Amino acid sequence: LPAYRDRLDSLTTIFGEDRVIFGSDYPQSDSVAALPQVVGLAQAYASGKSSAAKDKFFFRNARRVYALPAR
């Protein structure tokens, strides 16, 4: 996480928490890191955020942008 924190903080500052969405390049990224590692890194980064910010990062922003129905 320390290697990515500054970049993730910058992106969140530039775009705002309403415009940042978690995503991966799975399965192409599997040669660099396994999906559980990628998700774990994102979860570790988000752990310092509010519950509302985490929800936006992991699903609410995507739901809004892609007009996905609530389940």
PDB file of N, CA and C in Angstrom:
ATOM      1  N   LEU A   1       0.806  -1.207   0.000  1.00  0.00           N
ATOM      2  CA  LEU A   1       0.000   0.000   0.000  1.00  0.00           C
ATOM      3  C   LEU A   1       0.850   1.273   0.000  1.00  0.00           C
ATOM      4  N   PRO A   2       1.957   1.321   0.727  1.00  0.00           N
ATOM      5  CA  PRO A   2       2.746   2.558   0.713  1.00  0.00           C
ATOM      6  C   PRO A   2       3.185   2.991  -0.689  1.00  0.00           C
ATOM      7  N   ALA A   3       3.425   2.028  -1.573  1.00  0.00           N
ATOM      8  CA  ALA A   3       3.857   2.366  -2.934  1.00  0.00           C
ATOM      9  C   ALA A   3       2.744   3.020  -3.748  1.00  0.00           C
ATOM     10  N   TYR A   4       1.503   2.813  -3.361  1.00  0.00           N
ATOM     11  CA  TYR A   4       0.359   3.320  -4.128  1.00  0.00           C
ATOM     12  C   TYR A   4      -0.407   4.443  -3.446  1.00  0.00           C
ATOM     13  N   ARG A   5      -0.213   4.611  -2.153  1.00  0.00           N
ATOM     14  CA  ARG A   5      -1.028   5.554  -1.377  1.00  0.00           C
ATOM     15  C   ARG A   5      -0.995   6.978  -1.946  1.00  0.00           C
ATOM     16  N   ASP A   6       0.173   7.508  -2.253  1.00  0.00           N
ATOM     17  CA  ASP A   6       0.259   8.883  -2.763  1.00  0.00           C
ATOM     18  C   ASP A   6      -0.521   9.050  -4.066  1.00  0.00           C
ATOM     19  N   ARG A   7      -0.391   8.086  -4.956  1.00  0.00           N
ATOM     20  CA  ARG A   7      -1.106   8.173  -6.237  1.00  0.00           C
ATOM     21  C   ARG A   7      -2.618   8.071  -6.025  1.00  0.00           C
ATOM     22  N   LEU A   8      -3.046   7.157  -5.174  1.00  0.00           N
ATOM     23  CA  LEU A   8      -4.475   7.015  -4.901  1.00  0.00           C
ATOM     24  C   LEU A   8      -5.031   8.260  -4.217  1.00  0.00           C
ATOM     25  N   ASP A   9      -4.265   8.822  -3.282  1.00  0.00           N
ATOM     26  CA  ASP A   9      -4.686  10.067  -2.637  1.00  0.00           C
ATOM     27  C   ASP A   9      -4.809  11.193  -3.657  1.00  0.00           C
ATOM     28  N   SER A  10      -3.856  11.281  -4.565  1.00  0.00           N
ATOM     29  CA  SER A  10      -3.894  12.319  -5.598  1.00  0.00           C
ATOM     30  C   SER A  10      -5.121  12.163  -6.495  1.00  0.00           C
ATOM     31  N   LEU A  11      -5.387  10.948  -6.929  1.00  0.00           N
ATOM     32  CA  LEU A  11      -6.555  10.716  -7.784  1.00  0.00           C
ATOM     33  C   LEU A  11      -7.851  11.077  -7.072  1.00  0.00           C
ATOM     34  N   THR A  12      -7.944  10.698  -5.808  1.00  0.00           N
ATOM     35  CA  THR A  12      -9.145  11.019  -5.042  1.00  0.00           C
ATOM     36  C   THR A  12      -9.279  12.525  -4.850  1.00  0.00           C
ATOM     37  N   THR A  13      -8.173  13.204  -4.638  1.00  0.00           N
ATOM     38  CA  THR A  13      -8.205  14.663  -4.482  1.00  0.00           C
ATOM     39  C   THR A  13      -8.577  15.340  -5.792  1.00  0.00           C
ATOM     40  N   ILE A  14      -7.992  14.899  -6.885  1.00  0.00           N
ATOM     41  CA  ILE A  14      -8.244  15.518  -8.192  1.00  0.00           C
ATOM     42  C   ILE A  14      -9.681  15.289  -8.648  1.00  0.00           C
ATOM     43  N   PHE A  15     -10.150  14.047  -8.579  1.00  0.00           N
ATOM     44  CA  PHE A  15     -11.465  13.709  -9.120  1.00  0.00           C
ATOM     45  C   PHE A  15     -12.588  13.777  -8.089  1.00  0.00           C
ATOM     46  N   GLY A  16     -12.251  13.632  -6.822  1.00  0.00           N
ATOM     47  CA  GLY A  16     -13.264  13.638  -5.765  1.00  0.00           C
ATOM     48  C   GLY A  16     -13.825  12.245  -5.527  1.00  0.00           C
ATOM     49  N   GLU A  17     -14.302  12.025  -4.327  1.00  0.00           N
ATOM     50  CA  GLU A  17     -14.767  10.684  -3.954  1.00  0.00           C
ATOM     51  C   GLU A  17     -16.023  10.261  -4.718  1.00  0.00           C
ATOM     52  N   ASP A  18     -16.704  11.200  -5.361  1.00  0.00           N
ATOM     53  CA  ASP A  18     -17.888  10.856  -6.144  1.00  0.00           C
ATOM     54  C   ASP A  18     -17.546  10.394  -7.559  1.00  0.00           C
ATOM     55  N   ARG A  19     -16.257  10.435  -7.924  1.00  0.00           N
ATOM     56  CA  ARG A  19     -15.872  10.086  -9.298  1.00  0.00           C
ATOM     57  C   ARG A  19     -14.764   9.037  -9.368  1.00  0.00           C
ATOM     58  N   VAL A  20     -14.476   8.386  -8.254  1.00  0.00           N
ATOM     59  CA  VAL A  20     -13.447   7.340  -8.230  1.00  0.00           C
ATOM     60  C   VAL A  20     -14.140   6.002  -7.991  1.00  0.00           C
ATOM     61  N   ILE A  21     -13.785   5.007  -8.800  1.00  0.00           N
ATOM     62  CA  ILE A  21     -14.406   3.686  -8.736  1.00  0.00           C
ATOM     63  C   ILE A  21     -13.310   2.629  -8.695  1.00  0.00           C
ATOM     64  N   PHE A  22     -13.463   1.638  -7.829  1.00  0.00           N
ATOM     65  CA  PHE A  22     -12.530   0.518  -7.805  1.00  0.00           C
ATOM     66  C   PHE A  22     -12.761  -0.357  -9.032  1.00  0.00           C
ATOM     67  N   GLY A  23     -11.673  -0.801  -9.618  1.00  0.00           N
ATOM     68  CA  GLY A  23     -11.745  -1.745 -10.722  1.00  0.00           C
ATOM     69  C   GLY A  23     -10.419  -2.478 -10.835  1.00  0.00           C
ATOM     70  N   SER A  24     -10.415  -3.542 -11.563  1.00  0.00           N
ATOM     71  CA  SER A  24      -9.175  -4.278 -11.788  1.00  0.00           C
ATOM     72  C   SER A  24      -9.069  -4.620 -13.267  1.00  0.00           C
ATOM     73  N   ASP A  25      -7.939  -5.119 -13.647  1.00  0.00           N
ATOM     74  CA  ASP A  25      -7.707  -5.551 -15.019  1.00  0.00           C
ATOM     75  C   ASP A  25      -7.652  -7.079 -15.062  1.00  0.00           C
ATOM     76  N   TYR A  26      -8.371  -7.702 -14.133  1.00  0.00           N
ATOM     77  CA  TYR A  26      -8.409  -9.154 -14.065  1.00  0.00           C
ATOM     78  C   TYR A  26      -9.036  -9.703 -15.329  1.00  0.00           C
ATOM     79  N   PRO A  27      -8.541 -10.763 -15.921  1.00  0.00           N
ATOM     80  CA  PRO A  27      -7.441 -11.628 -15.505  1.00  0.00           C
ATOM     81  C   PRO A  27      -6.074 -11.212 -16.039  1.00  0.00           C
ATOM     82  N   GLN A  28      -6.011 -10.132 -16.830  1.00  0.00           N
ATOM     83  CA  GLN A  28      -4.721  -9.713 -17.384  1.00  0.00           C
ATOM     84  C   GLN A  28      -3.724  -9.354 -16.283  1.00  0.00           C
ATOM     85  N   SER A  29      -4.196  -8.809 -15.183  1.00  0.00           N
ATOM     86  CA  SER A  29      -3.311  -8.375 -14.104  1.00  0.00           C
ATOM     87  C   SER A  29      -2.796  -9.541 -13.269  1.00  0.00           C
ATOM     88  N   ASP A  30      -3.320 -10.729 -13.508  1.00  0.00           N
ATOM     89  CA  ASP A  30      -2.925 -11.885 -12.705  1.00  0.00           C
ATOM     90  C   ASP A  30      -1.437 -12.186 -12.782  1.00  0.00           C
ATOM     91  N   SER A  31      -0.764 -11.760 -13.841  1.00  0.00           N
ATOM     92  CA  SER A  31       0.676 -12.005 -13.953  1.00  0.00           C
ATOM     93  C   SER A  31       1.469 -11.085 -13.020  1.00  0.00           C
ATOM     94  N   VAL A  32       0.839 -10.006 -12.560  1.00  0.00           N
ATOM     95  CA  VAL A  32       1.501  -9.068 -11.654  1.00  0.00           C
ATOM     96  C   VAL A  32       1.089  -9.325 -10.210  1.00  0.00           C
ATOM     97  N   ALA A  33      -0.207  -9.515  -9.991  1.00  0.00           N
ATOM     98  CA  ALA A  33      -0.732  -9.785  -8.654  1.00  0.00           C
ATOM     99  C   ALA A  33      -2.049 -10.529  -8.792  1.00  0.00           C
ATOM    100  N   ALA A  34      -2.280 -11.469  -7.889  1.00  0.00           N
ATOM    101  CA  ALA A  34      -3.534 -12.218  -7.892  1.00  0.00           C
ATOM    102  C   ALA A  34      -4.681 -11.296  -7.475  1.00  0.00           C
ATOM    103  N   LEU A  35      -5.871 -11.596  -7.968  1.00  0.00           N
ATOM    104  CA  LEU A  35      -7.035 -10.764  -7.674  1.00  0.00           C
ATOM    105  C   LEU A  35      -7.231 -10.524  -6.172  1.00  0.00           C
ATOM    106  N   PRO A  36      -7.089 -11.540  -5.308  1.00  0.00           N
ATOM    107  CA  PRO A  36      -7.236 -11.271  -3.872  1.00  0.00           C
ATOM    108  C   PRO A  36      -6.240 -10.221  -3.345  1.00  0.00           C
ATOM    109  N   GLN A  37      -5.051 -10.179  -3.916  1.00  0.00           N
ATOM    110  CA  GLN A  37      -4.070  -9.170  -3.517  1.00  0.00           C
ATOM    111  C   GLN A  37      -4.515  -7.776  -3.966  1.00  0.00           C
ATOM    112  N   VAL A  38      -5.032  -7.681  -5.173  1.00  0.00           N
ATOM    113  CA  VAL A  38      -5.496  -6.402  -5.707  1.00  0.00           C
ATOM    114  C   VAL A  38      -6.663  -5.885  -4.874  1.00  0.00           C
ATOM    115  N   VAL A  39      -7.613  -6.755  -4.603  1.00  0.00           N
ATOM    116  CA  VAL A  39      -8.773  -6.368  -3.791  1.00  0.00           C
ATOM    117  C   VAL A  39      -8.314  -6.012  -2.377  1.00  0.00           C
ATOM    118  N   GLY A  40      -7.402  -6.782  -1.828  1.00  0.00           N
ATOM    119  CA  GLY A  40      -6.876  -6.499  -0.488  1.00  0.00           C
ATOM    120  C   GLY A  40      -6.198  -5.146  -0.418  1.00  0.00           C
ATOM    121  N   LEU A  41      -5.469  -4.786  -1.452  1.00  0.00           N
ATOM    122  CA  LEU A  41      -4.822  -3.479  -1.504  1.00  0.00           C
ATOM    123  C   LEU A  41      -5.867  -2.368  -1.510  1.00  0.00           C
ATOM    124  N   ALA A  42      -6.903  -2.546  -2.324  1.00  0.00           N
ATOM    125  CA  ALA A  42      -7.983  -1.545  -2.380  1.00  0.00           C
ATOM    126  C   ALA A  42      -8.698  -1.454  -1.042  1.00  0.00           C
ATOM    127  N   GLN A  43      -8.944  -2.584  -0.410  1.00  0.00           N
ATOM    128  CA  GLN A  43      -9.606  -2.572   0.896  1.00  0.00           C
ATOM    129  C   GLN A  43      -8.732  -1.916   1.955  1.00  0.00           C
ATOM    130  N   ALA A  44      -7.438  -2.166   1.905  1.00  0.00           N
ATOM    131  CA  ALA A  44      -6.518  -1.537   2.859  1.00  0.00           C
ATOM    132  C   ALA A  44      -6.515  -0.027   2.666  1.00  0.00           C
ATOM    133  N   TYR A  45      -6.501   0.420   1.416  1.00  0.00           N
ATOM    134  CA  TYR A  45      -6.538   1.860   1.152  1.00  0.00           C
ATOM    135  C   TYR A  45      -7.850   2.460   1.657  1.00  0.00           C
ATOM    136  N   ALA A  46      -8.949   1.810   1.361  1.00  0.00           N
ATOM    137  CA  ALA A  46     -10.267   2.333   1.733  1.00  0.00           C
ATOM    138  C   ALA A  46     -10.519   2.266   3.239  1.00  0.00           C
ATOM    139  N   SER A  47      -9.772   1.450   3.952  1.00  0.00           N
ATOM    140  CA  SER A  47     -10.011   1.293   5.390  1.00  0.00           C
ATOM    141  C   SER A  47      -9.848   2.596   6.153  1.00  0.00           C
ATOM    142  N   GLY A  48      -9.089   3.534   5.618  1.00  0.00           N
ATOM    143  CA  GLY A  48      -8.905   4.822   6.275  1.00  0.00           C
ATOM    144  C   GLY A  48      -9.960   5.846   5.907  1.00  0.00           C
ATOM    145  N   LYS A  49     -10.935   5.444   5.093  1.00  0.00           N
ATOM    146  CA  LYS A  49     -11.980   6.358   4.624  1.00  0.00           C
ATOM    147  C   LYS A  49     -13.268   6.147   5.432  1.00  0.00           C
ATOM    148  N   SER A  50     -14.184   7.072   5.312  1.00  0.00           N
ATOM    149  CA  SER A  50     -15.483   6.925   5.969  1.00  0.00           C
ATOM    150  C   SER A  50     -16.269   5.798   5.299  1.00  0.00           C
ATOM    151  N   SER A  51     -17.297   5.319   5.995  1.00  0.00           N
ATOM    152  CA  SER A  51     -18.147   4.274   5.415  1.00  0.00           C
ATOM    153  C   SER A  51     -18.786   4.744   4.115  1.00  0.00           C
ATOM    154  N   ALA A  52     -19.224   5.987   4.087  1.00  0.00           N
ATOM    155  CA  ALA A  52     -19.844   6.537   2.876  1.00  0.00           C
ATOM    156  C   ALA A  52     -18.846   6.568   1.721  1.00  0.00           C
ATOM    157  N   ALA A  53     -17.615   6.981   1.992  1.00  0.00           N
ATOM    158  CA  ALA A  53     -16.585   7.037   0.942  1.00  0.00           C
ATOM    159  C   ALA A  53     -16.250   5.632   0.449  1.00  0.00           C
ATOM    160  N   LYS A  54     -16.183   4.654   1.343  1.00  0.00           N
ATOM    161  CA  LYS A  54     -15.918   3.269   0.932  1.00  0.00           C
ATOM    162  C   LYS A  54     -17.034   2.738   0.051  1.00  0.00           C
ATOM    163  N   ASP A  55     -18.267   2.999   0.436  1.00  0.00           N
ATOM    164  CA  ASP A  55     -19.405   2.549  -0.366  1.00  0.00           C
ATOM    165  C   ASP A  55     -19.359   3.156  -1.766  1.00  0.00           C
ATOM    166  N   LYS A  56     -19.021   4.427  -1.855  1.00  0.00           N
ATOM    167  CA  LYS A  56     -18.917   5.080  -3.158  1.00  0.00           C
ATOM    168  C   LYS A  56     -17.810   4.424  -3.988  1.00  0.00           C
ATOM    169  N   PHE A  57     -16.685   4.205  -3.389  1.00  0.00           N
ATOM    170  CA  PHE A  57     -15.517   3.646  -4.072  1.00  0.00           C
ATOM    171  C   PHE A  57     -15.795   2.238  -4.603  1.00  0.00           C
ATOM    172  N   PHE A  58     -16.441   1.412  -3.782  1.00  0.00           N
ATOM    173  CA  PHE A  58     -16.621   0.017  -4.161  1.00  0.00           C
ATOM    174  C   PHE A  58     -17.901  -0.273  -4.941  1.00  0.00           C
ATOM    175  N   PHE A  59     -18.957   0.559  -4.808  1.00  0.00           N
ATOM    176  CA  PHE A  59     -20.134   0.223  -5.601  1.00  0.00           C
ATOM    177  C   PHE A  59     -21.083   1.373  -5.915  1.00  0.00           C
ATOM    178  N   ARG A  60     -21.272   2.319  -5.051  1.00  0.00           N
ATOM    179  CA  ARG A  60     -22.285   3.353  -5.305  1.00  0.00           C
ATOM    180  C   ARG A  60     -21.962   4.213  -6.541  1.00  0.00           C
ATOM    181  N   ASN A  61     -20.707   4.595  -6.706  1.00  0.00           N
ATOM    182  CA  ASN A  61     -20.350   5.399  -7.881  1.00  0.00           C
ATOM    183  C   ASN A  61     -20.585   4.611  -9.173  1.00  0.00           C
ATOM    184  N   ALA A  62     -20.217   3.352  -9.174  1.00  0.00           N
ATOM    185  CA  ALA A  62     -20.433   2.523 -10.373  1.00  0.00           C
ATOM    186  C   ALA A  62     -21.926   2.355 -10.637  1.00  0.00           C
ATOM    187  N   ARG A  63     -22.690   2.140  -9.585  1.00  0.00           N
ATOM    188  CA  ARG A  63     -24.136   1.990  -9.758  1.00  0.00           C
ATOM    189  C   ARG A  63     -24.725   3.245 -10.401  1.00  0.00           C
ATOM    190  N   ARG A  64     -24.293   4.398  -9.922  1.00  0.00           N
ATOM    191  CA  ARG A  64     -24.800   5.663 -10.459  1.00  0.00           C
ATOM    192  C   ARG A  64     -24.361   5.874 -11.912  1.00  0.00           C
ATOM    193  N   VAL A  65     -23.086   5.711 -12.184  1.00  0.00           N
ATOM    194  CA  VAL A  65     -22.533   5.975 -13.512  1.00  0.00           C
ATOM    195  C   VAL A  65     -23.106   5.019 -14.561  1.00  0.00           C
ATOM    196  N   TYR A  66     -23.220   3.746 -14.199  1.00  0.00           N
ATOM    197  CA  TYR A  66     -23.701   2.756 -15.157  1.00  0.00           C
ATOM    198  C   TYR A  66     -25.210   2.532 -15.069  1.00  0.00           C
ATOM    199  N   ALA A  67     -25.878   3.323 -14.251  1.00  0.00           N
ATOM    200  CA  ALA A  67     -27.341   3.226 -14.077  1.00  0.00           C
ATOM    201  C   ALA A  67     -27.779   1.807 -13.748  1.00  0.00           C
ATOM    202  N   LEU A  68     -27.068   1.191 -12.800  1.00  0.00           N
ATOM    203  CA  LEU A  68     -27.383  -0.180 -12.387  1.00  0.00           C
ATOM    204  C   LEU A  68     -28.517  -0.143 -11.369  1.00  0.00           C
ATOM    205  N   PRO A  69     -29.450  -1.089 -11.453  1.00  0.00           N
ATOM    206  CA  PRO A  69     -30.538  -1.119 -10.480  1.00  0.00           C
ATOM    207  C   PRO A  69     -30.034  -1.614  -9.126  1.00  0.00           C
ATOM    208  N   ALA A  70     -30.670  -1.129  -8.073  1.00  0.00           N
ATOM    209  CA  ALA A  70     -30.343  -1.621  -6.729  1.00  0.00           C
ATOM    210  C   ALA A  70     -30.874  -3.043  -6.610  1.00  0.00           C
ATOM    211  N   ARG A  71     -30.184  -3.872  -5.863  1.00  0.00           N
ATOM    212  CA  ARG A  71     -30.637  -5.248  -5.663  1.00  0.00           C
ATOM    213  C   ARG A  71     -31.327  -5.388  -4.344  1.00  0.00           C
TER     214      ARG A  71
END
